[in-house]
PDB file of all heavy atoms in Angstrom:
ATOM      1  N   LYS A   1      16.153  -3.632   0.524  1.00  0.00           N
ATOM      2  CA  LYS A   1      16.643  -4.520   1.600  1.00  0.00           C
ATOM      3  C   LYS A   1      17.651  -3.756   2.403  1.00  0.00           C
ATOM      4  O   LYS A   1      18.054  -4.172   3.445  1.00  0.00           O
ATOM      5  CB  LYS A   1      17.246  -5.839   1.068  1.00  0.00           C
ATOM      6  CG  LYS A   1      16.266  -6.717   0.347  1.00  0.00           C
ATOM      7  CD  LYS A   1      15.195  -7.238   1.271  1.00  0.00           C
ATOM      8  CE  LYS A   1      14.239  -8.120   0.534  1.00  0.00           C
ATOM      9  NZ  LYS A   1      13.188  -8.722   1.381  1.00  0.00           N
ATOM     10  N   THR A   2      18.304  -2.684   1.867  1.00  0.00           N
ATOM     11  CA  THR A   2      19.370  -1.961   2.546  1.00  0.00           C
ATOM     12  C   THR A   2      18.958  -0.522   2.947  1.00  0.00           C
ATOM     13  O   THR A   2      19.663   0.074   3.684  1.00  0.00           O
ATOM     14  CB  THR A   2      20.587  -1.989   1.751  1.00  0.00           C
ATOM     15  OG1 THR A   2      20.374  -1.423   0.485  1.00  0.00           O
ATOM     16  CG2 THR A   2      21.108  -3.416   1.490  1.00  0.00           C
ATOM     17  N   LEU A   3      17.871  -0.031   2.377  1.00  0.00           N
ATOM     18  CA  LEU A   3      17.518   1.313   2.643  1.00  0.00           C
ATOM     19  C   LEU A   3      17.163   1.456   4.231  1.00  0.00           C
ATOM     20  O   LEU A   3      16.600   0.628   4.844  1.00  0.00           O
ATOM     21  CB  LEU A   3      16.255   1.735   1.823  1.00  0.00           C
ATOM     22  CG  LEU A   3      16.501   2.005   0.342  1.00  0.00           C
ATOM     23  CD1 LEU A   3      15.240   2.240  -0.291  1.00  0.00           C
ATOM     24  CD2 LEU A   3      17.401   3.279   0.201  1.00  0.00           C
ATOM     25  N   LYS A   4      17.584   2.677   4.746  1.00  0.00           N
ATOM     26  CA  LYS A   4      17.281   2.814   6.087  1.00  0.00           C
ATOM     27  C   LYS A   4      15.729   3.136   6.290  1.00  0.00           C
ATOM     28  O   LYS A   4      15.135   2.836   7.333  1.00  0.00           O
ATOM     29  CB  LYS A   4      18.048   3.990   6.595  1.00  0.00           C
ATOM     30  CG  LYS A   4      19.613   3.722   6.714  1.00  0.00           C
ATOM     31  CD  LYS A   4      20.372   4.905   7.268  1.00  0.00           C
ATOM     32  CE  LYS A   4      21.842   4.579   7.343  1.00  0.00           C
ATOM     33  NZ  LYS A   4      22.549   5.678   7.889  1.00  0.00           N
ATOM     34  N   ARG A   5      15.112   3.752   5.263  1.00  0.00           N
ATOM     35  CA  ARG A   5      13.677   4.033   5.285  1.00  0.00           C
ATOM     36  C   ARG A   5      13.011   3.441   4.074  1.00  0.00           C
ATOM     37  O   ARG A   5      13.600   3.636   2.948  1.00  0.00           O
ATOM     38  CB  ARG A   5      13.552   5.494   5.433  1.00  0.00           C
ATOM     39  CG  ARG A   5      12.103   5.977   5.631  1.00  0.00           C
ATOM     40  CD  ARG A   5      12.184   7.465   5.895  1.00  0.00           C
ATOM     41  NE  ARG A   5      10.800   7.958   6.398  1.00  0.00           N
ATOM     42  CZ  ARG A   5      10.683   9.223   6.724  1.00  0.00           C
ATOM     43  NH1 ARG A   5      11.699  10.096   6.772  1.00  0.00           N
ATOM     44  NH2 ARG A   5       9.464   9.652   7.081  1.00  0.00           N
ATOM     45  N   ARG A   6      11.862   2.829   4.250  1.00  0.00           N
ATOM     46  CA  ARG A   6      11.173   2.241   3.129  1.00  0.00           C
ATOM     47  C   ARG A   6      10.741   3.326   2.183  1.00  0.00           C
ATOM     48  O   ARG A   6      10.218   4.303   2.589  1.00  0.00           O
ATOM     49  CB  ARG A   6       9.950   1.447   3.637  1.00  0.00           C
ATOM     50  CG  ARG A   6       9.284   0.503   2.614  1.00  0.00           C
ATOM     51  CD  ARG A   6       8.502  -0.638   3.259  1.00  0.00           C
ATOM     52  NE  ARG A   6       9.383  -1.597   3.774  1.00  0.00           N
ATOM     53  CZ  ARG A   6       8.993  -2.641   4.420  1.00  0.00           C
ATOM     54  NH1 ARG A   6       7.744  -2.901   4.529  1.00  0.00           N
ATOM     55  NH2 ARG A   6       9.870  -3.583   4.852  1.00  0.00           N
ATOM     56  N   PRO A   7      10.988   3.107   0.829  1.00  0.00           N
ATOM     57  CA  PRO A   7      10.604   4.088  -0.078  1.00  0.00           C
ATOM     58  C   PRO A   7       9.161   4.434  -0.340  1.00  0.00           C
ATOM     59  O   PRO A   7       8.337   3.595  -0.067  1.00  0.00           O
ATOM     60  CB  PRO A   7      11.237   3.553  -1.400  1.00  0.00           C
ATOM     61  CG  PRO A   7      11.247   2.120  -1.249  1.00  0.00           C
ATOM     62  CD  PRO A   7      11.523   1.895   0.210  1.00  0.00           C
ATOM     63  N   LYS A   8       8.899   5.583  -0.650  1.00  0.00           N
ATOM     64  CA  LYS A   8       7.412   6.034  -0.733  1.00  0.00           C
ATOM     65  C   LYS A   8       6.737   5.152  -1.854  1.00  0.00           C
ATOM     66  O   LYS A   8       5.549   4.935  -1.639  1.00  0.00           O
ATOM     67  CB  LYS A   8       7.425   7.508  -1.254  1.00  0.00           C
ATOM     68  CG  LYS A   8       6.061   8.103  -1.389  1.00  0.00           C
ATOM     69  CD  LYS A   8       6.145   9.578  -1.469  1.00  0.00           C
ATOM     70  CE  LYS A   8       6.904  10.099  -2.762  1.00  0.00           C
ATOM     71  NZ  LYS A   8       6.802  11.524  -2.946  1.00  0.00           N
ATOM     72  N   TYR A   9       7.365   4.771  -2.854  1.00  0.00           N
ATOM     73  CA  TYR A   9       6.638   4.046  -3.861  1.00  0.00           C
ATOM     74  C   TYR A   9       6.238   2.696  -3.362  1.00  0.00           C
ATOM     75  O   TYR A   9       5.233   2.070  -3.997  1.00  0.00           O
ATOM     76  CB  TYR A   9       7.482   3.835  -5.123  1.00  0.00           C
ATOM     77  CG  TYR A   9       8.864   3.244  -5.082  1.00  0.00           C
ATOM     78  CD1 TYR A   9       9.046   1.928  -4.902  1.00  0.00           C
ATOM     79  CD2 TYR A   9       9.965   4.114  -5.132  1.00  0.00           C
ATOM     80  CE1 TYR A   9      10.279   1.431  -4.919  1.00  0.00           C
ATOM     81  CE2 TYR A   9      11.256   3.611  -5.133  1.00  0.00           C
ATOM     82  CZ  TYR A   9      11.444   2.315  -4.929  1.00  0.00           C
ATOM     83  OH  TYR A   9      12.653   1.767  -4.832  1.00  0.00           O
ATOM     84  N   TRP A  10       6.844   2.095  -2.367  1.00  0.00           N
ATOM     85  CA  TRP A  10       6.356   0.847  -1.843  1.00  0.00           C
ATOM     86  C   TRP A  10       5.022   0.974  -1.165  1.00  0.00           C
ATOM     87  O   TRP A  10       4.073   0.162  -1.353  1.00  0.00           O
ATOM     88  CB  TRP A  10       7.322   0.280  -0.699  1.00  0.00           C
ATOM     89  CG  TRP A  10       7.050  -1.052  -0.210  1.00  0.00           C
ATOM     90  CD1 TRP A  10       7.379  -2.258  -0.711  1.00  0.00           C
ATOM     91  CD2 TRP A  10       6.188  -1.366   0.872  1.00  0.00           C
ATOM     92  NE1 TRP A  10       6.863  -3.303   0.014  1.00  0.00           N
ATOM     93  CE2 TRP A  10       6.161  -2.759   0.971  1.00  0.00           C
ATOM     94  CE3 TRP A  10       5.445  -0.516   1.771  1.00  0.00           C
ATOM     95  CZ2 TRP A  10       5.374  -3.380   2.034  1.00  0.00           C
ATOM     96  CZ3 TRP A  10       4.775  -1.139   2.815  1.00  0.00           C
ATOM     97  CH2 TRP A  10       4.614  -2.570   2.983  1.00  0.00           C
ATOM     98  N   PHE A  11       4.818   2.035  -0.346  1.00  0.00           N
ATOM     99  CA  PHE A  11       3.499   2.323   0.269  1.00  0.00           C
ATOM    100  C   PHE A  11       2.483   2.706  -0.688  1.00  0.00           C
ATOM    101  O   PHE A  11       1.306   2.234  -0.586  1.00  0.00           O
ATOM    102  CB  PHE A  11       3.780   3.488   1.289  1.00  0.00           C
ATOM    103  CG  PHE A  11       4.618   3.161   2.388  1.00  0.00           C
ATOM    104  CD1 PHE A  11       6.008   3.575   2.385  1.00  0.00           C
ATOM    105  CD2 PHE A  11       4.195   2.506   3.624  1.00  0.00           C
ATOM    106  CE1 PHE A  11       6.841   3.287   3.458  1.00  0.00           C
ATOM    107  CE2 PHE A  11       4.998   2.264   4.668  1.00  0.00           C
ATOM    108  CZ  PHE A  11       6.329   2.672   4.657  1.00  0.00           C
ATOM    109  N   GLN A  12       2.854   3.411  -1.733  1.00  0.00           N
ATOM    110  CA  GLN A  12       1.963   3.756  -2.753  1.00  0.00           C
ATOM    111  C   GLN A  12       1.404   2.559  -3.527  1.00  0.00           C
ATOM    112  O   GLN A  12       0.217   2.410  -3.821  1.00  0.00           O
ATOM    113  CB  GLN A  12       2.562   4.737  -3.679  1.00  0.00           C
ATOM    114  CG  GLN A  12       2.768   6.176  -3.149  1.00  0.00           C
ATOM    115  CD  GLN A  12       3.367   7.134  -4.058  1.00  0.00           C
ATOM    116  OE1 GLN A  12       3.874   6.722  -5.124  1.00  0.00           O
ATOM    117  NE2 GLN A  12       3.447   8.399  -3.707  1.00  0.00           N
ATOM    118  N   ALA A  13       2.285   1.601  -3.836  1.00  0.00           N
ATOM    119  CA  ALA A  13       1.889   0.380  -4.462  1.00  0.00           C
ATOM    120  C   ALA A  13       0.993  -0.542  -3.590  1.00  0.00           C
ATOM    121  O   ALA A  13       0.045  -1.072  -4.175  1.00  0.00           O
ATOM    122  CB  ALA A  13       3.279  -0.438  -4.859  1.00  0.00           C
ATOM    123  N   ARG A  14       1.399  -0.569  -2.306  1.00  0.00           N
ATOM    124  CA  ARG A  14       0.447  -1.411  -1.430  1.00  0.00           C
ATOM    125  C   ARG A  14      -0.984  -0.741  -1.422  1.00  0.00           C
ATOM    126  O   ARG A  14      -1.948  -1.463  -1.507  1.00  0.00           O
ATOM    127  CB  ARG A  14       1.144  -1.441  -0.086  1.00  0.00           C
ATOM    128  CG  ARG A  14       0.180  -2.020   1.024  1.00  0.00           C
ATOM    129  CD  ARG A  14       0.834  -1.802   2.392  1.00  0.00           C
ATOM    130  NE  ARG A  14      -0.022  -2.267   3.533  1.00  0.00           N
ATOM    131  CZ  ARG A  14      -1.040  -1.652   3.911  1.00  0.00           C
ATOM    132  NH1 ARG A  14      -1.374  -0.474   3.536  1.00  0.00           N
ATOM    133  NH2 ARG A  14      -1.710  -2.241   4.894  1.00  0.00           N
ATOM    134  N   ARG A  15      -1.013   0.553  -1.236  1.00  0.00           N
ATOM    135  CA  ARG A  15      -2.319   1.277  -1.178  1.00  0.00           C
ATOM    136  C   ARG A  15      -3.102   0.954  -2.541  1.00  0.00           C
ATOM    137  O   ARG A  15      -4.252   0.662  -2.453  1.00  0.00           O
ATOM    138  CB  ARG A  15      -2.018   2.754  -1.131  1.00  0.00           C
ATOM    139  CG  ARG A  15      -3.222   3.662  -0.983  1.00  0.00           C
ATOM    140  CD  ARG A  15      -2.915   5.072  -0.855  1.00  0.00           C
ATOM    141  NE  ARG A  15      -4.082   6.003  -0.921  1.00  0.00           N
ATOM    142  CZ  ARG A  15      -4.634   6.308  -1.967  1.00  0.00           C
ATOM    143  NH1 ARG A  15      -4.285   5.890  -3.145  1.00  0.00           N
ATOM    144  NH2 ARG A  15      -5.746   7.086  -1.918  1.00  0.00           N
ATOM    145  N   ARG A  16      -2.371   1.129  -3.693  1.00  0.00           N
ATOM    146  CA  ARG A  16      -3.043   0.964  -4.945  1.00  0.00           C
ATOM    147  C   ARG A  16      -3.559  -0.443  -5.019  1.00  0.00           C
ATOM    148  O   ARG A  16      -4.771  -0.677  -5.619  1.00  0.00           O
ATOM    149  CB  ARG A  16      -2.142   1.160  -6.071  1.00  0.00           C
ATOM    150  CG  ARG A  16      -2.739   0.919  -7.443  1.00  0.00           C
ATOM    151  CD  ARG A  16      -1.643   1.204  -8.598  1.00  0.00           C
ATOM    152  NE  ARG A  16      -2.303   0.981  -9.895  1.00  0.00           N
ATOM    153  CZ  ARG A  16      -3.120   1.705 -10.607  1.00  0.00           C
ATOM    154  NH1 ARG A  16      -3.425   2.863 -10.124  1.00  0.00           N
ATOM    155  NH2 ARG A  16      -3.511   1.286 -11.791  1.00  0.00           N
ATOM    156  N   PHE A  17      -2.832  -1.412  -4.581  1.00  0.00           N
ATOM    157  CA  PHE A  17      -3.235  -2.858  -4.702  1.00  0.00           C
ATOM    158  C   PHE A  17      -4.509  -3.087  -4.035  1.00  0.00           C
ATOM    159  O   PHE A  17      -5.571  -3.657  -4.616  1.00  0.00           O
ATOM    160  CB  PHE A  17      -2.208  -3.834  -4.221  1.00  0.00           C
ATOM    161  CG  PHE A  17      -2.664  -5.214  -4.097  1.00  0.00           C
ATOM    162  CD1 PHE A  17      -2.844  -6.026  -5.266  1.00  0.00           C
ATOM    163  CD2 PHE A  17      -3.057  -5.714  -2.863  1.00  0.00           C
ATOM    164  CE1 PHE A  17      -3.297  -7.307  -5.132  1.00  0.00           C
ATOM    165  CE2 PHE A  17      -3.497  -7.062  -2.746  1.00  0.00           C
ATOM    166  CZ  PHE A  17      -3.588  -7.863  -3.921  1.00  0.00           C
ATOM    167  N   PHE A  18      -4.573  -2.651  -2.827  1.00  0.00           N
ATOM    168  CA  PHE A  18      -5.845  -2.964  -2.036  1.00  0.00           C
ATOM    169  C   PHE A  18      -7.070  -2.154  -2.484  1.00  0.00           C
ATOM    170  O   PHE A  18      -8.126  -2.634  -2.645  1.00  0.00           O
ATOM    171  CB  PHE A  18      -5.603  -2.635  -0.553  1.00  0.00           C
ATOM    172  CG  PHE A  18      -4.763  -3.782   0.162  1.00  0.00           C
ATOM    173  CD1 PHE A  18      -3.474  -3.503   0.602  1.00  0.00           C
ATOM    174  CD2 PHE A  18      -5.324  -5.032   0.312  1.00  0.00           C
ATOM    175  CE1 PHE A  18      -2.761  -4.631   1.261  1.00  0.00           C
ATOM    176  CE2 PHE A  18      -4.714  -6.064   0.969  1.00  0.00           C
ATOM    177  CZ  PHE A  18      -3.330  -5.785   1.406  1.00  0.00           C
ATOM    178  N   LEU A  19      -6.770  -0.838  -2.764  1.00  0.00           N
ATOM    179  CA  LEU A  19      -7.960  -0.069  -3.298  1.00  0.00           C
ATOM    180  C   LEU A  19      -8.432  -0.560  -4.628  1.00  0.00           C
ATOM    181  O   LEU A  19      -9.724  -0.660  -4.783  1.00  0.00           O
ATOM    182  CB  LEU A  19      -7.615   1.388  -3.413  1.00  0.00           C
ATOM    183  CG  LEU A  19      -7.573   2.233  -2.086  1.00  0.00           C
ATOM    184  CD1 LEU A  19      -6.961   3.607  -2.358  1.00  0.00           C
ATOM    185  CD2 LEU A  19      -8.935   2.314  -1.517  1.00  0.00           C
ATOM    186  N   LYS A  20      -7.521  -0.922  -5.507  1.00  0.00           N
ATOM    187  CA  LYS A  20      -7.950  -1.303  -6.833  1.00  0.00           C
ATOM    188  C   LYS A  20      -8.732  -2.706  -6.905  1.00  0.00           C
ATOM    189  O   LYS A  20      -9.722  -2.913  -7.542  1.00  0.00           O
ATOM    190  CB  LYS A  20      -6.760  -1.463  -7.732  1.00  0.00           C
ATOM    191  CG  LYS A  20      -6.985  -2.169  -9.070  1.00  0.00           C
ATOM    192  CD  LYS A  20      -5.591  -2.485  -9.753  1.00  0.00           C
ATOM    193  CE  LYS A  20      -5.830  -3.405 -10.951  1.00  0.00           C
ATOM    194  NZ  LYS A  20      -4.562  -3.689 -11.656  1.00  0.00           N
ATOM    195  N   ASN A  21      -8.232  -3.591  -5.937  1.00  0.00           N
ATOM    196  CA  ASN A  21      -8.779  -4.985  -6.030  1.00  0.00           C
ATOM    197  C   ASN A  21      -9.920  -5.284  -5.026  1.00  0.00           C
ATOM    198  O   ASN A  21     -10.655  -6.143  -5.206  1.00  0.00           O
ATOM    199  CB  ASN A  21      -7.682  -5.935  -5.809  1.00  0.00           C
ATOM    200  CG  ASN A  21      -6.726  -5.976  -7.073  1.00  0.00           C
ATOM    201  OD1 ASN A  21      -7.179  -6.335  -8.119  1.00  0.00           O
ATOM    202  ND2 ASN A  21      -5.510  -5.550  -6.934  1.00  0.00           N
ATOM    203  N   TYR A  22      -9.926  -4.450  -3.871  1.00  0.00           N
ATOM    204  CA  TYR A  22     -10.883  -4.814  -2.785  1.00  0.00           C
ATOM    205  C   TYR A  22     -11.774  -3.512  -2.303  1.00  0.00           C
ATOM    206  O   TYR A  22     -12.701  -3.836  -1.569  1.00  0.00           O
ATOM    207  CB  TYR A  22     -10.091  -5.262  -1.571  1.00  0.00           C
ATOM    208  CG  TYR A  22      -9.255  -6.562  -1.817  1.00  0.00           C
ATOM    209  CD1 TYR A  22      -7.937  -6.502  -1.920  1.00  0.00           C
ATOM    210  CD2 TYR A  22      -9.938  -7.785  -2.057  1.00  0.00           C
ATOM    211  CE1 TYR A  22      -7.172  -7.641  -2.203  1.00  0.00           C
ATOM    212  CE2 TYR A  22      -9.266  -8.896  -2.317  1.00  0.00           C
ATOM    213  CZ  TYR A  22      -7.890  -8.901  -2.371  1.00  0.00           C
ATOM    214  OH  TYR A  22      -7.147 -10.080  -2.655  1.00  0.00           O
ATOM    215  N   GLY A  23     -11.471  -2.385  -2.922  1.00  0.00           N
ATOM    216  CA  GLY A  23     -12.362  -1.341  -2.480  1.00  0.00           C
ATOM    217  C   GLY A  23     -11.962  -0.584  -1.239  1.00  0.00           C
ATOM    218  O   GLY A  23     -10.998  -0.973  -0.484  1.00  0.00           O
ATOM    219  N   ALA A  24     -12.665   0.513  -0.983  1.00  0.00           N
ATOM    220  CA  ALA A  24     -12.326   1.523   0.024  1.00  0.00           C
ATOM    221  C   ALA A  24     -12.543   0.939   1.448  1.00  0.00           C
ATOM    222  O   ALA A  24     -11.649   1.037   2.317  1.00  0.00           O
ATOM    223  CB  ALA A  24     -13.126   2.827  -0.095  1.00  0.00           C
ATOM    224  N   LEU A  25     -13.662   0.215   1.753  1.00  0.00           N
ATOM    225  CA  LEU A  25     -13.898  -0.240   3.132  1.00  0.00           C
ATOM    226  C   LEU A  25     -12.892  -1.237   3.539  1.00  0.00           C
ATOM    227  O   LEU A  25     -12.311  -1.208   4.622  1.00  0.00           O
ATOM    228  CB  LEU A  25     -15.340  -0.755   3.189  1.00  0.00           C
ATOM    229  CG  LEU A  25     -15.706  -1.438   4.557  1.00  0.00           C
ATOM    230  CD1 LEU A  25     -15.552  -0.371   5.688  1.00  0.00           C
ATOM    231  CD2 LEU A  25     -17.054  -2.043   4.506  1.00  0.00           C
ATOM    232  N   TYR A  26     -12.612  -2.200   2.643  1.00  0.00           N
ATOM    233  CA  TYR A  26     -11.642  -3.264   3.009  1.00  0.00           C
ATOM    234  C   TYR A  26     -10.296  -2.714   3.138  1.00  0.00           C
ATOM    235  O   TYR A  26      -9.513  -3.116   4.129  1.00  0.00           O
ATOM    236  CB  TYR A  26     -11.675  -4.324   1.858  1.00  0.00           C
ATOM    237  CG  TYR A  26     -10.876  -5.538   2.311  1.00  0.00           C
ATOM    238  CD1 TYR A  26     -11.592  -6.588   3.011  1.00  0.00           C
ATOM    239  CD2 TYR A  26      -9.572  -5.779   1.960  1.00  0.00           C
ATOM    240  CE1 TYR A  26     -10.948  -7.788   3.414  1.00  0.00           C
ATOM    241  CE2 TYR A  26      -8.897  -6.986   2.366  1.00  0.00           C
ATOM    242  CZ  TYR A  26      -9.575  -7.978   3.060  1.00  0.00           C
ATOM    243  OH  TYR A  26      -8.945  -9.065   3.381  1.00  0.00           O
ATOM    244  N   THR A  27      -9.841  -1.730   2.339  1.00  0.00           N
ATOM    245  CA  THR A  27      -8.547  -1.107   2.474  1.00  0.00           C
ATOM    246  C   THR A  27      -8.436  -0.330   3.720  1.00  0.00           C
ATOM    247  O   THR A  27      -7.348  -0.406   4.401  1.00  0.00           O
ATOM    248  CB  THR A  27      -8.296  -0.163   1.270  1.00  0.00           C
ATOM    249  OG1 THR A  27      -8.446  -0.842   0.002  1.00  0.00           O
ATOM    250  CG2 THR A  27      -6.874   0.438   1.379  1.00  0.00           C
ATOM    251  N   MET A  28      -9.534   0.251   4.209  1.00  0.00           N
ATOM    252  CA  MET A  28      -9.541   0.958   5.443  1.00  0.00           C
ATOM    253  C   MET A  28      -9.336  -0.044   6.611  1.00  0.00           C
ATOM    254  O   MET A  28      -8.478   0.184   7.503  1.00  0.00           O
ATOM    255  CB  MET A  28     -10.845   1.709   5.708  1.00  0.00           C
ATOM    256  CG  MET A  28     -10.947   2.516   6.980  1.00  0.00           C
ATOM    257  SD  MET A  28     -12.503   3.523   6.989  1.00  0.00           S
ATOM    258  CE  MET A  28     -13.719   2.256   7.050  1.00  0.00           C
ATOM    259  N   LEU A  29      -9.919  -1.227   6.548  1.00  0.00           N
ATOM    260  CA  LEU A  29      -9.727  -2.266   7.600  1.00  0.00           C
ATOM    261  C   LEU A  29      -8.354  -2.841   7.529  1.00  0.00           C
ATOM    262  O   LEU A  29      -7.732  -3.064   8.602  1.00  0.00           O
ATOM    263  CB  LEU A  29     -10.773  -3.333   7.417  1.00  0.00           C
ATOM    264  CG  LEU A  29     -12.241  -2.952   7.567  1.00  0.00           C
ATOM    265  CD1 LEU A  29     -13.150  -4.115   7.304  1.00  0.00           C
ATOM    266  CD2 LEU A  29     -12.528  -2.475   9.062  1.00  0.00           C
ATOM    267  N   VAL A  30      -7.812  -3.107   6.383  1.00  0.00           N
ATOM    268  CA  VAL A  30      -6.414  -3.492   6.205  1.00  0.00           C
ATOM    269  C   VAL A  30      -5.447  -2.440   6.841  1.00  0.00           C
ATOM    270  O   VAL A  30      -4.552  -2.936   7.526  1.00  0.00           O
ATOM    271  CB  VAL A  30      -6.142  -3.778   4.707  1.00  0.00           C
ATOM    272  CG1 VAL A  30      -4.628  -3.868   4.485  1.00  0.00           C
ATOM    273  CG2 VAL A  30      -6.771  -4.985   4.236  1.00  0.00           C
TER     274      VAL A  30
END
């Protein structure tokens, strides 16, 4: 909430969630 730049692990977690649960095509659209 206070970091000037969002941490790398936040983006990696988001990416993992969509790929793991919805697959490549849906993640690309997201």
